[in-house]
């Protein structure tokens, strides 16, 4: 992964509202900064509802999004090249 700004959004049991919240937040964050922000990482904190399914659906629509389980987040962060 390239050096840049990476945003991690962690969520738990928010299946009913997560897609709308993500669209709103990410529009405000990303608009006009697409070249600066390298990746948005959405991570699920072991939800008991369908949050992870909604995160994966959101990823299908947005190529700058990565979806992971919370435990995988550190591995993703460690892949960022610091050169």
C-alpha atoms as a PDB file:
ATOM      1  CA  UNK A   1       0.000   0.000   0.000  1.00  0.00           C
ATOM      2  CA  UNK A   2       1.107   3.570  -0.623  1.00  0.00           C
ATOM      3  CA  UNK A   3       1.804   6.287   1.895  1.00  0.00           C
ATOM      4  CA  UNK A   4      -1.151   8.586   2.356  1.00  0.00           C
ATOM      5  CA  UNK A   5      -4.179   9.074   4.533  1.00  0.00           C
ATOM      6  CA  UNK A   6      -6.059   5.952   5.563  1.00  0.00           C
ATOM      7  CA  UNK A   7      -9.358   6.201   7.406  1.00  0.00           C
ATOM      8  CA  UNK A   8     -10.543   3.388   9.658  1.00  0.00           C
ATOM      9  CA  UNK A   9     -14.210   3.283  10.614  1.00  0.00           C
ATOM     10  CA  UNK A  10     -15.115   0.650  13.192  1.00  0.00           C
ATOM     11  CA  UNK A  11     -18.721  -0.335  13.712  1.00  0.00           C
ATOM     12  CA  UNK A  12     -20.736  -2.827  15.706  1.00  0.00           C
ATOM     13  CA  UNK A  13     -24.378  -3.844  15.351  1.00  0.00           C
ATOM     14  CA  UNK A  14     -25.331  -0.959  13.068  1.00  0.00           C
ATOM     15  CA  UNK A  15     -26.765  -2.926  10.151  1.00  0.00           C
ATOM     16  CA  UNK A  16     -29.928  -0.836   9.908  1.00  0.00           C
ATOM     17  CA  UNK A  17     -28.168   2.513   9.563  1.00  0.00           C
ATOM     18  CA  UNK A  18     -24.550   1.959   8.552  1.00  0.00           C
ATOM     19  CA  UNK A  19     -24.898   2.475   4.791  1.00  0.00           C
ATOM     20  CA  UNK A  20     -26.575   5.867   5.130  1.00  0.00           C
ATOM     21  CA  UNK A  21     -24.064   6.996   7.725  1.00  0.00           C
ATOM     22  CA  UNK A  22     -21.133   5.869   5.560  1.00  0.00           C
ATOM     23  CA  UNK A  23     -22.456   7.653   2.489  1.00  0.00           C
ATOM     24  CA  UNK A  24     -22.866  10.875   4.431  1.00  0.00           C
ATOM     25  CA  UNK A  25     -19.523  10.740   6.264  1.00  0.00           C
ATOM     26  CA  UNK A  26     -17.465   9.606   3.304  1.00  0.00           C
ATOM     27  CA  UNK A  27     -18.940  12.193   0.967  1.00  0.00           C
ATOM     28  CA  UNK A  28     -17.933  14.919   3.395  1.00  0.00           C
ATOM     29  CA  UNK A  29     -14.466  13.436   3.920  1.00  0.00           C
ATOM     30  CA  UNK A  30     -13.677  12.402   0.341  1.00  0.00           C
ATOM     31  CA  UNK A  31     -15.133  15.236  -1.733  1.00  0.00           C
ATOM     32  CA  UNK A  32     -12.220  16.993  -3.400  1.00  0.00           C
ATOM     33  CA  UNK A  33      -9.614  14.909  -1.593  1.00  0.00           C
ATOM     34  CA  UNK A  34      -9.762  11.696  -3.577  1.00  0.00           C
ATOM     35  CA  UNK A  35      -6.072  11.853  -4.503  1.00  0.00           C
ATOM     36  CA  UNK A  36      -4.973  12.355  -0.873  1.00  0.00           C
ATOM     37  CA  UNK A  37      -7.043   9.650   0.812  1.00  0.00           C
ATOM     38  CA  UNK A  38      -5.670   6.276  -0.252  1.00  0.00           C
ATOM     39  CA  UNK A  39      -8.099   3.898   1.424  1.00  0.00           C
ATOM     40  CA  UNK A  40     -11.080   3.788   3.760  1.00  0.00           C
ATOM     41  CA  UNK A  41     -11.017   0.681   5.923  1.00  0.00           C
ATOM     42  CA  UNK A  42     -14.362  -0.411   7.325  1.00  0.00           C
ATOM     43  CA  UNK A  43     -14.035  -2.876  10.140  1.00  0.00           C
ATOM     44  CA  UNK A  44     -16.651  -4.894  11.954  1.00  0.00           C
ATOM     45  CA  UNK A  45     -16.318  -5.394  15.705  1.00  0.00           C
ATOM     46  CA  UNK A  46     -17.927  -8.851  15.750  1.00  0.00           C
ATOM     47  CA  UNK A  47     -21.477  -7.639  15.150  1.00  0.00           C
ATOM     48  CA  UNK A  48     -24.363  -9.959  15.886  1.00  0.00           C
ATOM     49  CA  UNK A  49     -26.574  -8.412  13.189  1.00  0.00           C
ATOM     50  CA  UNK A  50     -26.042  -7.929   9.438  1.00  0.00           C
ATOM     51  CA  UNK A  51     -23.547  -5.043   9.727  1.00  0.00           C
ATOM     52  CA  UNK A  52     -20.762  -6.972   7.967  1.00  0.00           C
ATOM     53  CA  UNK A  53     -23.068  -7.739   5.025  1.00  0.00           C
ATOM     54  CA  UNK A  54     -23.831  -4.018   4.639  1.00  0.00           C
ATOM     55  CA  UNK A  55     -20.138  -3.144   4.796  1.00  0.00           C
ATOM     56  CA  UNK A  56     -19.371  -5.669   2.050  1.00  0.00           C
ATOM     57  CA  UNK A  57     -22.200  -4.274  -0.107  1.00  0.00           C
ATOM     58  CA  UNK A  58     -20.790  -0.778   0.362  1.00  0.00           C
ATOM     59  CA  UNK A  59     -17.355  -2.019  -0.711  1.00  0.00           C
ATOM     60  CA  UNK A  60     -18.781  -3.387  -3.976  1.00  0.00           C
ATOM     61  CA  UNK A  61     -19.871   0.153  -4.893  1.00  0.00           C
ATOM     62  CA  UNK A  62     -16.674   1.934  -3.808  1.00  0.00           C
ATOM     63  CA  UNK A  63     -13.229   0.862  -5.001  1.00  0.00           C
ATOM     64  CA  UNK A  64     -11.431   2.946  -2.353  1.00  0.00           C
ATOM     65  CA  UNK A  65     -13.037   0.899   0.457  1.00  0.00           C
ATOM     66  CA  UNK A  66     -11.559  -2.147   2.181  1.00  0.00           C
ATOM     67  CA  UNK A  67     -13.612  -4.271   4.583  1.00  0.00           C
ATOM     68  CA  UNK A  68     -12.015  -6.298   7.331  1.00  0.00           C
ATOM     69  CA  UNK A  69     -12.612  -7.892  10.664  1.00  0.00           C
ATOM     70  CA  UNK A  70     -11.137  -5.925  13.545  1.00  0.00           C
ATOM     71  CA  UNK A  71      -8.319  -8.447  14.058  1.00  0.00           C
ATOM     72  CA  UNK A  72      -7.211  -8.025  10.434  1.00  0.00           C
ATOM     73  CA  UNK A  73      -6.877  -4.236  10.711  1.00  0.00           C
ATOM     74  CA  UNK A  74      -3.343  -4.312  12.104  1.00  0.00           C
ATOM     75  CA  UNK A  75      -2.207  -6.532   9.217  1.00  0.00           C
ATOM     76  CA  UNK A  76      -3.625  -4.026   6.729  1.00  0.00           C
ATOM     77  CA  UNK A  77      -1.953  -1.133   8.531  1.00  0.00           C
ATOM     78  CA  UNK A  78       1.384  -3.014   8.587  1.00  0.00           C
ATOM     79  CA  UNK A  79       1.224  -3.368   4.773  1.00  0.00           C
ATOM     80  CA  UNK A  80       1.442   0.407   4.289  1.00  0.00           C
ATOM     81  CA  UNK A  81       4.821   1.193   2.776  1.00  0.00           C
ATOM     82  CA  UNK A  82       6.643   3.808   4.820  1.00  0.00           C
ATOM     83  CA  UNK A  83       9.043   4.879   2.096  1.00  0.00           C
END
